[in-house]
Amino acid sequence: MSAHFTVHLSFCFEKNGVLETATNEASWLKTLTPSAYASMVESGQISAGMLPKLDNGFKALQKGVKKVSIKNASNLLTPTGTTLTYD
């Protein structure tokens, strides 16, 4: 689809974005790059259910999706959440 259209993908869940600190709801990141993601996985900041969301989000960017956001479902139409970007 991304070969023919500008595609934006939003992964929606109960948090406002990818949290820098799991216990601090206000610590969501505005952007996340693959290198920062790898560092956060290695340090344990990102784990469990976030791994498939982020892995698939970065794969979607590689396949031509223009923008990938991780956000709260209640904020679907707002410019909030974490946007995945390349380094």
Protein backbone atom coordinates (compact mmCIF):
# COMPACT_ATOMS: atom_id res chain seq x y z
CA MET A 1 0.00 0.00 0.00
CA SER A 2 2.84 2.40 0.84
CA ALA A 3 4.09 2.08 -2.76
CA HIS A 4 0.93 3.82 -3.97
CA PHE A 5 -0.24 5.97 -1.05
CA THR A 6 1.17 8.06 1.80
CA VAL A 7 0.61 5.76 4.77
CA HIS A 8 0.64 6.81 8.44
CA LEU A 9 0.41 4.03 11.03
CA SER A 10 -0.64 4.51 14.65
CA PHE A 11 -0.20 1.82 17.28
CA CYS A 12 -2.70 2.61 20.02
CA PHE A 13 -2.54 1.44 23.61
CA GLU A 14 -3.14 2.74 27.13
CA LYS A 15 -0.01 4.93 27.45
CA ASN A 16 0.58 8.36 25.87
CA GLY A 17 3.68 7.11 24.08
CA VAL A 18 6.87 5.17 24.68
CA LEU A 19 7.87 5.90 28.27
CA GLU A 20 11.46 6.73 29.13
CA THR A 21 10.74 5.61 32.70
CA ALA A 22 8.08 2.89 33.02
CA THR A 23 6.79 4.24 36.34
CA ASN A 24 6.46 7.85 35.12
CA GLU A 25 3.43 8.33 32.85
CA ALA A 26 4.63 11.83 31.93
CA SER A 27 8.01 10.62 30.63
CA TRP A 28 6.84 9.68 27.12
CA LEU A 29 9.30 10.36 24.35
CA LYS A 30 8.43 12.62 21.42
CA THR A 31 10.61 10.62 19.01
CA LEU A 32 12.45 7.30 19.07
CA THR A 33 15.24 6.18 16.74
CA PRO A 34 16.44 2.60 16.17
CA SER A 35 19.70 3.25 18.06
CA ALA A 36 17.89 4.77 21.05
CA TYR A 37 15.44 1.85 20.94
CA ALA A 38 18.30 -0.68 20.99
CA SER A 39 19.90 1.09 23.97
CA MET A 40 16.61 1.17 25.87
CA VAL A 41 16.01 -2.54 25.22
CA GLU A 42 19.54 -3.36 26.39
CA SER A 43 19.07 -1.35 29.59
CA GLY A 44 15.63 -2.88 30.26
CA GLN A 45 13.74 0.40 29.85
CA ILE A 46 11.71 -1.17 27.04
CA SER A 47 10.54 -4.76 27.36
CA ALA A 48 7.63 -7.17 27.11
CA GLY A 49 4.61 -5.93 25.15
CA MET A 50 6.35 -2.87 23.74
CA LEU A 51 8.88 -4.95 21.82
CA PRO A 52 6.51 -6.23 19.11
CA LYS A 53 4.90 -2.80 18.67
CA LEU A 54 8.23 -1.10 18.16
CA ASP A 55 9.80 -3.88 16.09
CA ASN A 56 6.83 -3.81 13.73
CA GLY A 57 6.79 -0.01 13.68
CA PHE A 58 10.42 0.20 12.57
CA LYS A 59 9.82 -2.56 9.97
CA ALA A 60 6.88 -0.56 8.61
CA LEU A 61 9.15 2.48 8.17
CA GLN A 62 11.64 0.30 6.28
CA LYS A 63 8.81 -0.84 3.99
CA GLY A 64 7.83 2.70 3.06
CA VAL A 65 5.28 3.77 5.67
CA LYS A 66 5.73 7.54 5.96
CA LYS A 67 5.04 7.95 9.70
CA VAL A 68 4.61 5.58 12.64
CA SER A 69 3.24 6.80 15.97
CA ILE A 70 2.80 5.03 19.31
CA LYS A 71 0.02 6.71 21.28
CA ASN A 72 -3.00 6.47 23.53
CA ALA A 73 -6.14 5.48 21.64
CA SER A 74 -8.00 8.47 23.09
CA ASN A 75 -5.46 10.76 21.38
CA LEU A 76 -5.68 9.12 17.97
CA LEU A 77 -6.44 12.34 16.11
CA THR A 78 -4.01 14.56 18.01
CA PRO A 79 -0.30 15.14 17.29
CA THR A 80 0.77 13.45 20.53
CA GLY A 81 2.58 10.20 21.17
CA THR A 82 5.99 8.90 20.17
CA THR A 83 6.99 9.14 16.51
CA LEU A 84 9.45 6.54 15.24
CA THR A 85 12.23 8.02 13.11
CA TYR A 86 15.55 6.99 11.63
CA ASP A 87 18.89 8.11 13.11
